[in-house]
Amino acid sequence: MFKSRNKNIIYSALFSIFVGSLILNLSGKTLQEAGASGAFSLSEYNSLPSVKSIISCYDKENAYPWKKIVVQNIVVDNNYSSQNALSDYGLNDYHFIICNGNIGDNGQVISSENWKKQAAITSKRWNQFSRDVIRIGIITDDVLLSPTEAQIKRVNLLAGTLARKFDIPPMSIFTPFF
C-alpha cells in the first residue's frame, strides 16, 4: 500500500514540475522574469565566480604563513555606487572585499593586490602585531548596517575555504556578530 502511495506522490510532483516548466516556456518567461529572484536567489549566487578560483590567484612561491582571519564591516554611504569606493573608503587595506550590490554584485568577492602578492596589510589602521592576518571586509550601507544574506553565505564560504587551505583553526577566525 505504501509503495503505490509513494509512486503517486513522485509522479504528481514530476507532473507538476513538468506542467510548470511548460507554462513558463510557452509564456516565453525566464525564471527571473517569473519572480524566482528575490532578495537572494540561487541563480544570482551561481553566477558569481567560485571562492576557490578567487583565492587561488596568488603568488604561490611567496605564500605567506597566515595564522588568523578577521572579518569586518565597512560602512559605505548608501548612495555610493562607484567602483572608486575600493580606494575612496580605504578598501585596499583588505585582502578580500565582499560586495553588497551597490558596489559590485551582491556577494561578489574581490581579491586585492595585497592578496595576489601575499602581502601583509601594513596600513596605519592595523597594528604591527597583525601581519599574519587575512583581512576580509564586508561592504554594508549606512541604512541597513548589516550584511545581506548573500554576503553572509559568501563570507562563511570564503573564511572556511581559507581556513582549510592555510590550516587556520576556527578559534583564530574573528567575525562581527551577524
N, C-alpha and C. Protein backbone atom coordinates (compact mmCIF):
# COMPACT_ATOMS: atom_id res chain seq x y z
N MET A 1 0.82 -1.19 0.00
CA MET A 1 0.00 0.00 0.00
C MET A 1 0.86 1.26 0.00
N PHE A 2 1.94 1.28 0.83
CA PHE A 2 2.78 2.46 0.91
C PHE A 2 3.57 2.67 -0.38
N LYS A 3 3.96 1.59 -1.03
CA LYS A 3 4.75 1.73 -2.25
C LYS A 3 3.96 2.42 -3.34
N SER A 4 2.70 2.09 -3.51
CA SER A 4 1.91 2.73 -4.56
C SER A 4 1.62 4.19 -4.19
N ARG A 5 1.46 4.49 -2.90
CA ARG A 5 1.25 5.88 -2.48
C ARG A 5 2.49 6.72 -2.77
N ASN A 6 3.68 6.19 -2.47
CA ASN A 6 4.93 6.91 -2.75
C ASN A 6 5.10 7.14 -4.25
N LYS A 7 4.73 6.14 -5.05
CA LYS A 7 4.81 6.30 -6.51
C LYS A 7 3.89 7.43 -6.95
N ASN A 8 2.67 7.46 -6.41
CA ASN A 8 1.72 8.51 -6.80
C ASN A 8 2.24 9.89 -6.43
N ILE A 9 2.86 10.02 -5.28
CA ILE A 9 3.41 11.31 -4.85
C ILE A 9 4.54 11.74 -5.79
N ILE A 10 5.42 10.83 -6.10
CA ILE A 10 6.53 11.15 -7.01
C ILE A 10 6.02 11.53 -8.39
N TYR A 11 5.07 10.75 -8.92
CA TYR A 11 4.51 11.06 -10.24
C TYR A 11 3.81 12.41 -10.23
N SER A 12 3.10 12.72 -9.16
CA SER A 12 2.40 14.00 -9.06
C SER A 12 3.40 15.16 -9.02
N ALA A 13 4.48 15.00 -8.25
CA ALA A 13 5.50 16.05 -8.18
C ALA A 13 6.16 16.27 -9.53
N LEU A 14 6.54 15.19 -10.20
CA LEU A 14 7.17 15.31 -11.52
C LEU A 14 6.21 15.94 -12.52
N PHE A 15 4.94 15.55 -12.47
CA PHE A 15 3.95 16.12 -13.38
C PHE A 15 3.80 17.61 -13.12
N SER A 16 3.77 18.02 -11.84
CA SER A 16 3.65 19.44 -11.50
C SER A 16 4.84 20.25 -12.01
N ILE A 17 6.03 19.69 -11.84
CA ILE A 17 7.24 20.37 -12.33
C ILE A 17 7.18 20.50 -13.85
N PHE A 18 6.78 19.44 -14.53
CA PHE A 18 6.69 19.46 -15.98
C PHE A 18 5.69 20.50 -16.46
N VAL A 19 4.51 20.52 -15.85
CA VAL A 19 3.47 21.47 -16.25
C VAL A 19 3.93 22.90 -15.99
N GLY A 20 4.54 23.15 -14.83
CA GLY A 20 5.04 24.49 -14.53
C GLY A 20 6.09 24.95 -15.51
N SER A 21 7.02 24.06 -15.86
CA SER A 21 8.06 24.38 -16.85
C SER A 21 7.44 24.64 -18.22
N LEU A 22 6.47 23.85 -18.58
CA LEU A 22 5.80 24.01 -19.88
C LEU A 22 5.10 25.35 -19.95
N ILE A 23 4.41 25.73 -18.89
CA ILE A 23 3.71 27.02 -18.87
C ILE A 23 4.72 28.17 -18.99
N LEU A 24 5.83 28.10 -18.25
CA LEU A 24 6.85 29.15 -18.35
C LEU A 24 7.42 29.23 -19.76
N ASN A 25 7.71 28.07 -20.35
CA ASN A 25 8.26 28.05 -21.71
C ASN A 25 7.28 28.61 -22.72
N LEU A 26 6.02 28.25 -22.60
CA LEU A 26 5.01 28.75 -23.54
C LEU A 26 4.77 30.24 -23.38
N SER A 27 4.92 30.75 -22.15
CA SER A 27 4.72 32.18 -21.93
C SER A 27 5.96 32.99 -22.35
N GLY A 28 7.08 32.30 -22.58
CA GLY A 28 8.29 32.98 -23.00
C GLY A 28 9.03 33.66 -21.87
N LYS A 29 8.70 33.34 -20.63
CA LYS A 29 9.35 33.98 -19.49
C LYS A 29 10.47 33.12 -18.95
N THR A 30 11.50 33.81 -18.43
CA THR A 30 12.56 33.10 -17.72
C THR A 30 12.16 32.99 -16.26
N LEU A 31 12.91 32.24 -15.48
CA LEU A 31 12.62 32.12 -14.06
C LEU A 31 12.69 33.47 -13.36
N GLN A 32 13.67 34.29 -13.74
CA GLN A 32 13.81 35.60 -13.11
C GLN A 32 12.62 36.49 -13.43
N GLU A 33 12.15 36.46 -14.69
CA GLU A 33 11.00 37.27 -15.07
C GLU A 33 9.73 36.79 -14.38
N ALA A 34 9.68 35.51 -14.06
CA ALA A 34 8.50 34.95 -13.40
C ALA A 34 8.54 35.19 -11.89
N GLY A 35 9.59 35.79 -11.39
CA GLY A 35 9.66 36.14 -9.98
C GLY A 35 10.50 35.20 -9.15
N ALA A 36 11.37 34.43 -9.76
CA ALA A 36 12.19 33.48 -9.00
C ALA A 36 13.33 34.16 -8.26
N SER A 37 13.66 35.39 -8.60
CA SER A 37 14.74 36.05 -7.88
C SER A 37 14.15 37.03 -6.88
N GLY A 38 14.58 36.92 -5.65
CA GLY A 38 14.13 37.82 -4.60
C GLY A 38 15.33 38.57 -4.07
N ALA A 39 15.34 38.78 -2.78
CA ALA A 39 16.47 39.47 -2.16
C ALA A 39 17.75 38.66 -2.37
N PHE A 40 17.60 37.36 -2.39
CA PHE A 40 18.74 36.48 -2.68
C PHE A 40 18.20 35.26 -3.39
N SER A 41 18.76 34.96 -4.55
CA SER A 41 18.29 33.79 -5.29
C SER A 41 19.47 32.91 -5.66
N LEU A 42 19.18 31.64 -5.84
CA LEU A 42 20.22 30.69 -6.19
C LEU A 42 20.83 31.04 -7.55
N SER A 43 20.02 31.55 -8.48
CA SER A 43 20.56 31.89 -9.79
C SER A 43 21.58 33.01 -9.68
N GLU A 44 21.32 33.98 -8.80
CA GLU A 44 22.28 35.08 -8.60
C GLU A 44 23.56 34.56 -7.96
N TYR A 45 23.41 33.68 -6.99
CA TYR A 45 24.56 33.11 -6.28
C TYR A 45 25.42 32.29 -7.22
N ASN A 46 24.80 31.51 -8.09
CA ASN A 46 25.55 30.66 -9.01
C ASN A 46 26.26 31.44 -10.10
N SER A 47 25.86 32.69 -10.34
CA SER A 47 26.52 33.48 -11.38
C SER A 47 27.84 34.09 -10.88
N LEU A 48 28.10 34.03 -9.58
CA LEU A 48 29.33 34.59 -9.03
C LEU A 48 30.49 33.62 -9.22
N PRO A 49 31.70 34.14 -9.41
CA PRO A 49 32.87 33.25 -9.52
C PRO A 49 33.06 32.45 -8.23
N SER A 50 33.61 31.27 -8.34
CA SER A 50 33.80 30.43 -7.17
C SER A 50 34.87 31.02 -6.25
N VAL A 51 34.69 30.78 -4.96
CA VAL A 51 35.65 31.26 -3.97
C VAL A 51 37.01 30.61 -4.19
N LYS A 52 37.01 29.32 -4.53
CA LYS A 52 38.29 28.63 -4.76
C LYS A 52 39.08 29.28 -5.88
N SER A 53 38.40 29.70 -6.95
CA SER A 53 39.12 30.34 -8.05
C SER A 53 39.65 31.71 -7.64
N ILE A 54 38.91 32.40 -6.78
CA ILE A 54 39.34 33.72 -6.34
C ILE A 54 40.56 33.63 -5.43
N ILE A 55 40.54 32.69 -4.47
CA ILE A 55 41.68 32.63 -3.54
C ILE A 55 42.90 31.98 -4.17
N SER A 56 42.72 31.26 -5.26
CA SER A 56 43.88 30.59 -5.88
C SER A 56 44.74 31.55 -6.70
N CYS A 57 44.29 32.77 -6.88
CA CYS A 57 45.06 33.77 -7.65
C CYS A 57 46.04 34.48 -6.74
N TYR A 58 47.10 33.80 -6.39
CA TYR A 58 48.14 34.43 -5.56
C TYR A 58 49.49 33.83 -5.92
N ASP A 59 50.51 34.52 -5.48
CA ASP A 59 51.88 34.10 -5.74
C ASP A 59 52.22 32.92 -4.83
N LYS A 60 52.08 31.71 -5.33
CA LYS A 60 52.27 30.50 -4.53
C LYS A 60 53.72 30.33 -4.07
N GLU A 61 54.65 30.87 -4.83
CA GLU A 61 56.06 30.77 -4.45
C GLU A 61 56.35 31.57 -3.18
N ASN A 62 55.59 32.65 -2.99
CA ASN A 62 55.81 33.51 -1.82
C ASN A 62 54.61 33.48 -0.88
N ALA A 63 53.97 32.33 -0.77
CA ALA A 63 52.79 32.22 0.09
C ALA A 63 53.15 32.61 1.52
N TYR A 64 52.30 33.41 2.10
CA TYR A 64 52.53 33.95 3.44
C TYR A 64 52.02 32.95 4.48
N PRO A 65 52.65 32.85 5.64
CA PRO A 65 52.19 31.92 6.68
C PRO A 65 51.03 32.51 7.51
N TRP A 66 49.85 32.55 6.92
CA TRP A 66 48.69 33.15 7.57
C TRP A 66 48.29 32.35 8.81
N LYS A 67 47.90 33.07 9.87
CA LYS A 67 47.53 32.42 11.12
C LYS A 67 46.13 32.81 11.62
N LYS A 68 45.57 33.90 11.10
CA LYS A 68 44.26 34.38 11.56
C LYS A 68 43.46 34.94 10.38
N ILE A 69 42.15 34.98 10.58
CA ILE A 69 41.24 35.62 9.63
C ILE A 69 40.39 36.60 10.42
N VAL A 70 40.31 37.84 9.96
CA VAL A 70 39.48 38.85 10.61
C VAL A 70 38.50 39.39 9.57
N VAL A 71 37.21 39.34 9.92
CA VAL A 71 36.14 39.86 9.06
C VAL A 71 35.60 41.12 9.71
N GLN A 72 35.46 42.18 8.92
CA GLN A 72 34.98 43.45 9.45
C GLN A 72 33.96 44.07 8.52
N ASN A 73 32.98 44.75 9.13
CA ASN A 73 32.01 45.52 8.34
C ASN A 73 32.65 46.83 7.91
N ILE A 74 32.36 47.25 6.70
CA ILE A 74 32.82 48.54 6.20
C ILE A 74 31.57 49.29 5.78
N VAL A 75 31.22 50.33 6.50
CA VAL A 75 30.00 51.09 6.20
C VAL A 75 30.31 52.10 5.09
N VAL A 76 29.54 51.99 4.00
CA VAL A 76 29.70 52.86 2.85
C VAL A 76 28.37 53.59 2.64
N ASP A 77 28.42 54.86 2.28
CA ASP A 77 27.23 55.65 2.01
C ASP A 77 26.31 54.90 1.04
N ASN A 78 25.04 54.77 1.39
CA ASN A 78 24.06 54.01 0.60
C ASN A 78 23.97 54.50 -0.85
N ASN A 79 24.18 55.78 -1.08
CA ASN A 79 24.07 56.34 -2.44
C ASN A 79 25.35 56.18 -3.24
N TYR A 80 26.37 55.63 -2.63
CA TYR A 80 27.67 55.49 -3.28
C TYR A 80 27.71 54.18 -4.05
N SER A 81 27.83 54.26 -5.36
CA SER A 81 27.83 53.03 -6.15
C SER A 81 29.04 52.92 -7.07
N SER A 82 30.02 53.75 -6.85
CA SER A 82 31.18 53.79 -7.72
C SER A 82 32.20 52.73 -7.36
N GLN A 83 32.86 52.19 -8.36
CA GLN A 83 33.96 51.27 -8.10
C GLN A 83 35.13 52.02 -7.44
N ASN A 84 35.11 53.37 -7.48
CA ASN A 84 36.14 54.14 -6.79
C ASN A 84 36.08 53.94 -5.29
N ALA A 85 34.99 53.36 -4.80
CA ALA A 85 34.86 53.12 -3.36
C ALA A 85 35.98 52.23 -2.87
N LEU A 86 36.50 51.38 -3.74
CA LEU A 86 37.58 50.50 -3.33
C LEU A 86 38.79 51.29 -2.86
N SER A 87 39.01 52.45 -3.46
CA SER A 87 40.12 53.29 -2.98
C SER A 87 39.61 54.41 -2.07
N ASP A 88 38.42 54.95 -2.35
CA ASP A 88 37.89 56.07 -1.56
C ASP A 88 37.68 55.71 -0.09
N TYR A 89 37.27 54.50 0.18
CA TYR A 89 36.98 54.09 1.55
C TYR A 89 38.12 53.28 2.17
N GLY A 90 39.28 53.27 1.55
CA GLY A 90 40.42 52.55 2.12
C GLY A 90 40.26 51.05 2.04
N LEU A 91 39.51 50.59 1.05
CA LEU A 91 39.25 49.16 0.96
C LEU A 91 40.46 48.38 0.47
N ASN A 92 41.49 49.08 0.06
CA ASN A 92 42.73 48.39 -0.32
C ASN A 92 43.47 47.89 0.92
N ASP A 93 42.93 48.21 2.10
CA ASP A 93 43.52 47.73 3.35
C ASP A 93 43.01 46.34 3.72
N TYR A 94 42.41 45.65 2.76
CA TYR A 94 41.88 44.31 2.98
C TYR A 94 42.42 43.36 1.92
N HIS A 95 42.42 42.09 2.22
CA HIS A 95 42.80 41.09 1.23
C HIS A 95 41.62 40.74 0.34
N PHE A 96 40.42 40.76 0.92
CA PHE A 96 39.20 40.45 0.18
C PHE A 96 38.11 41.42 0.58
N ILE A 97 37.26 41.76 -0.39
CA ILE A 97 36.09 42.60 -0.15
C ILE A 97 34.88 41.79 -0.62
N ILE A 98 33.81 41.81 0.16
CA ILE A 98 32.58 41.16 -0.24
C ILE A 98 31.55 42.26 -0.47
N CYS A 99 31.09 42.35 -1.72
CA CYS A 99 30.22 43.45 -2.15
C CYS A 99 28.77 43.24 -1.74
N ASN A 100 28.01 44.36 -1.72
CA ASN A 100 26.63 44.32 -1.25
C ASN A 100 25.59 44.58 -2.34
N GLY A 101 25.97 44.74 -3.56
CA GLY A 101 25.02 45.04 -4.63
C GLY A 101 25.06 46.49 -5.06
N ASN A 102 25.37 47.42 -4.14
CA ASN A 102 25.56 48.82 -4.53
C ASN A 102 26.93 48.98 -5.18
N ILE A 103 27.90 48.35 -4.59
CA ILE A 103 29.26 48.32 -5.14
C ILE A 103 29.53 46.87 -5.49
N GLY A 104 29.62 46.56 -6.75
CA GLY A 104 29.79 45.18 -7.19
C GLY A 104 28.49 44.41 -7.05
N ASP A 105 28.50 43.14 -7.46
CA ASP A 105 27.32 42.29 -7.34
C ASP A 105 27.16 41.84 -5.89
N ASN A 106 25.93 41.61 -5.49
CA ASN A 106 25.65 41.16 -4.13
C ASN A 106 26.33 39.82 -3.88
N GLY A 107 27.26 39.80 -2.92
CA GLY A 107 28.00 38.58 -2.60
C GLY A 107 29.28 38.40 -3.40
N GLN A 108 29.56 39.32 -4.31
CA GLN A 108 30.78 39.22 -5.11
C GLN A 108 32.00 39.38 -4.22
N VAL A 109 32.99 38.51 -4.42
CA VAL A 109 34.24 38.58 -3.66
C VAL A 109 35.31 39.15 -4.57
N ILE A 110 35.95 40.20 -4.11
CA ILE A 110 37.04 40.83 -4.87
C ILE A 110 38.33 40.63 -4.08
N SER A 111 39.34 40.08 -4.74
CA SER A 111 40.64 39.95 -4.06
C SER A 111 41.49 41.17 -4.41
N SER A 112 42.27 41.61 -3.44
CA SER A 112 43.10 42.80 -3.64
C SER A 112 44.48 42.41 -4.14
N GLU A 113 45.23 43.42 -4.52
CA GLU A 113 46.63 43.20 -4.92
C GLU A 113 47.43 42.65 -3.74
N ASN A 114 47.06 43.06 -2.54
CA ASN A 114 47.75 42.54 -1.35
C ASN A 114 47.63 41.02 -1.29
N TRP A 115 46.46 40.48 -1.63
CA TRP A 115 46.28 39.03 -1.62
C TRP A 115 47.10 38.39 -2.73
N LYS A 116 47.01 38.97 -3.91
CA LYS A 116 47.71 38.38 -5.06
C LYS A 116 49.22 38.34 -4.83
N LYS A 117 49.73 39.34 -4.13
CA LYS A 117 51.17 39.39 -3.84
C LYS A 117 51.52 38.70 -2.53
N GLN A 118 50.48 38.23 -1.81
CA GLN A 118 50.67 37.62 -0.48
C GLN A 118 51.33 38.61 0.47
N ALA A 119 50.88 39.84 0.42
CA ALA A 119 51.45 40.90 1.26
C ALA A 119 50.60 41.09 2.51
N ALA A 120 51.26 41.22 3.63
CA ALA A 120 50.57 41.57 4.87
C ALA A 120 50.09 43.01 4.76
N ILE A 121 48.98 43.31 5.39
CA ILE A 121 48.46 44.68 5.37
C ILE A 121 49.27 45.50 6.35
N THR A 122 49.86 46.56 5.85
CA THR A 122 50.70 47.41 6.69
C THR A 122 50.14 48.83 6.73
N SER A 123 48.85 48.92 6.93
CA SER A 123 48.18 50.21 7.00
C SER A 123 48.32 50.79 8.40
N LYS A 124 48.15 52.09 8.51
CA LYS A 124 48.16 52.73 9.82
C LYS A 124 46.98 52.27 10.67
N ARG A 125 45.94 51.74 10.01
CA ARG A 125 44.76 51.25 10.73
C ARG A 125 45.09 50.06 11.63
N TRP A 126 45.97 49.22 11.16
CA TRP A 126 46.22 47.96 11.85
C TRP A 126 47.56 48.04 12.59
N ASN A 127 47.62 47.41 13.73
CA ASN A 127 48.86 47.48 14.49
C ASN A 127 49.91 46.52 13.93
N GLN A 128 51.11 46.64 14.40
CA GLN A 128 52.23 45.86 13.88
C GLN A 128 52.10 44.37 14.17
N PHE A 129 51.24 43.99 15.13
CA PHE A 129 51.11 42.58 15.50
C PHE A 129 50.12 41.83 14.63
N SER A 130 49.62 42.45 13.60
CA SER A 130 48.61 41.81 12.77
C SER A 130 49.13 41.44 11.38
N ARG A 131 50.39 41.18 11.28
CA ARG A 131 50.98 40.89 9.98
C ARG A 131 50.59 39.52 9.44
N ASP A 132 50.14 38.61 10.30
CA ASP A 132 49.79 37.27 9.85
C ASP A 132 48.28 37.08 9.69
N VAL A 133 47.55 38.19 9.50
CA VAL A 133 46.09 38.17 9.45
C VAL A 133 45.58 38.37 8.02
N ILE A 134 44.67 37.49 7.61
CA ILE A 134 43.94 37.70 6.35
C ILE A 134 42.76 38.58 6.70
N ARG A 135 42.65 39.72 6.04
CA ARG A 135 41.59 40.69 6.33
C ARG A 135 40.51 40.63 5.24
N ILE A 136 39.27 40.45 5.71
CA ILE A 136 38.11 40.40 4.82
C ILE A 136 37.17 41.54 5.22
N GLY A 137 36.82 42.38 4.26
CA GLY A 137 35.89 43.48 4.52
C GLY A 137 34.55 43.20 3.86
N ILE A 138 33.48 43.39 4.62
CA ILE A 138 32.13 43.23 4.09
C ILE A 138 31.53 44.63 3.96
N ILE A 139 31.23 45.02 2.73
CA ILE A 139 30.65 46.34 2.49
C ILE A 139 29.18 46.32 2.93
N THR A 140 28.83 47.21 3.85
CA THR A 140 27.43 47.40 4.23
C THR A 140 27.08 48.85 3.98
N ASP A 141 25.78 49.14 3.83
CA ASP A 141 25.43 50.53 3.60
C ASP A 141 25.03 51.20 4.90
N ASP A 142 24.93 52.52 4.85
CA ASP A 142 24.68 53.29 6.07
C ASP A 142 23.22 53.29 6.50
N VAL A 143 22.38 52.53 5.79
CA VAL A 143 20.97 52.43 6.16
C VAL A 143 20.74 51.13 6.93
N LEU A 144 21.11 50.01 6.34
CA LEU A 144 20.87 48.71 6.98
C LEU A 144 21.94 48.35 8.01
N LEU A 145 23.17 48.72 7.74
CA LEU A 145 24.31 48.44 8.62
C LEU A 145 24.54 46.95 8.87
N SER A 146 23.93 46.11 8.10
CA SER A 146 24.16 44.67 8.26
C SER A 146 24.35 44.05 6.88
N PRO A 147 25.11 42.97 6.82
CA PRO A 147 25.36 42.32 5.53
C PRO A 147 24.09 41.67 4.98
N THR A 148 24.07 41.49 3.67
CA THR A 148 22.97 40.78 3.03
C THR A 148 23.14 39.28 3.25
N GLU A 149 22.09 38.55 2.96
CA GLU A 149 22.15 37.09 3.08
C GLU A 149 23.24 36.51 2.17
N ALA A 150 23.35 37.07 0.96
CA ALA A 150 24.38 36.61 0.03
C ALA A 150 25.78 36.86 0.59
N GLN A 151 25.99 38.02 1.22
CA GLN A 151 27.29 38.33 1.79
C GLN A 151 27.64 37.38 2.93
N ILE A 152 26.67 37.07 3.76
CA ILE A 152 26.92 36.17 4.89
C ILE A 152 27.30 34.79 4.38
N LYS A 153 26.59 34.31 3.37
CA LYS A 153 26.91 32.99 2.81
C LYS A 153 28.30 32.99 2.20
N ARG A 154 28.62 34.05 1.47
CA ARG A 154 29.93 34.11 0.82
C ARG A 154 31.08 34.28 1.82
N VAL A 155 30.88 35.07 2.88
CA VAL A 155 31.96 35.24 3.86
C VAL A 155 32.18 33.92 4.61
N ASN A 156 31.12 33.20 4.90
CA ASN A 156 31.29 31.89 5.55
C ASN A 156 32.05 30.93 4.65
N LEU A 157 31.70 30.93 3.37
CA LEU A 157 32.39 30.06 2.41
C LEU A 157 33.86 30.48 2.25
N LEU A 158 34.09 31.78 2.12
CA LEU A 158 35.45 32.29 1.95
C LEU A 158 36.32 32.01 3.18
N ALA A 159 35.82 32.33 4.35
CA ALA A 159 36.60 32.11 5.58
C ALA A 159 36.86 30.61 5.79
N GLY A 160 35.86 29.79 5.53
CA GLY A 160 36.04 28.35 5.68
C GLY A 160 37.06 27.78 4.70
N THR A 161 37.00 28.25 3.47
CA THR A 161 37.94 27.77 2.44
C THR A 161 39.36 28.22 2.77
N LEU A 162 39.53 29.47 3.19
CA LEU A 162 40.85 29.98 3.57
C LEU A 162 41.39 29.23 4.78
N ALA A 163 40.53 28.97 5.75
CA ALA A 163 40.96 28.26 6.97
C ALA A 163 41.47 26.86 6.63
N ARG A 164 40.76 26.16 5.75
CA ARG A 164 41.20 24.81 5.36
C ARG A 164 42.51 24.88 4.57
N LYS A 165 42.60 25.83 3.67
CA LYS A 165 43.79 25.92 2.81
C LYS A 165 45.05 26.25 3.61
N PHE A 166 44.92 27.11 4.60
CA PHE A 166 46.10 27.57 5.34
C PHE A 166 46.14 27.02 6.77
N ASP A 167 45.35 26.00 7.06
CA ASP A 167 45.34 25.35 8.38
C ASP A 167 45.15 26.35 9.52
N ILE A 168 44.16 27.21 9.36
CA ILE A 168 43.83 28.20 10.39
C ILE A 168 42.72 27.61 11.27
N PRO A 169 42.95 27.48 12.57
CA PRO A 169 41.92 26.89 13.44
C PRO A 169 40.71 27.83 13.59
N PRO A 170 39.52 27.26 13.85
CA PRO A 170 38.30 28.07 13.99
C PRO A 170 38.41 29.17 15.05
N MET A 171 39.16 28.93 16.13
CA MET A 171 39.27 29.96 17.17
C MET A 171 40.14 31.14 16.73
N SER A 172 40.74 31.04 15.55
CA SER A 172 41.54 32.15 15.01
C SER A 172 40.82 32.88 13.89
N ILE A 173 39.50 32.67 13.81
CA ILE A 173 38.66 33.39 12.83
C ILE A 173 37.76 34.32 13.60
N PHE A 174 37.90 35.62 13.36
CA PHE A 174 37.16 36.62 14.11
C PHE A 174 36.19 37.33 13.17
N THR A 175 34.90 37.27 13.52
CA THR A 175 33.86 37.90 12.69
C THR A 175 32.99 38.78 13.56
N PRO A 176 32.36 39.80 12.96
CA PRO A 176 31.39 40.59 13.73
C PRO A 176 30.15 39.72 13.96
N PHE A 177 29.37 40.08 14.92
CA PHE A 177 28.14 39.33 15.18
C PHE A 177 27.11 39.72 14.13
N PHE A 178 26.67 38.73 13.36
CA PHE A 178 25.64 38.98 12.32
C PHE A 178 24.28 38.68 12.91
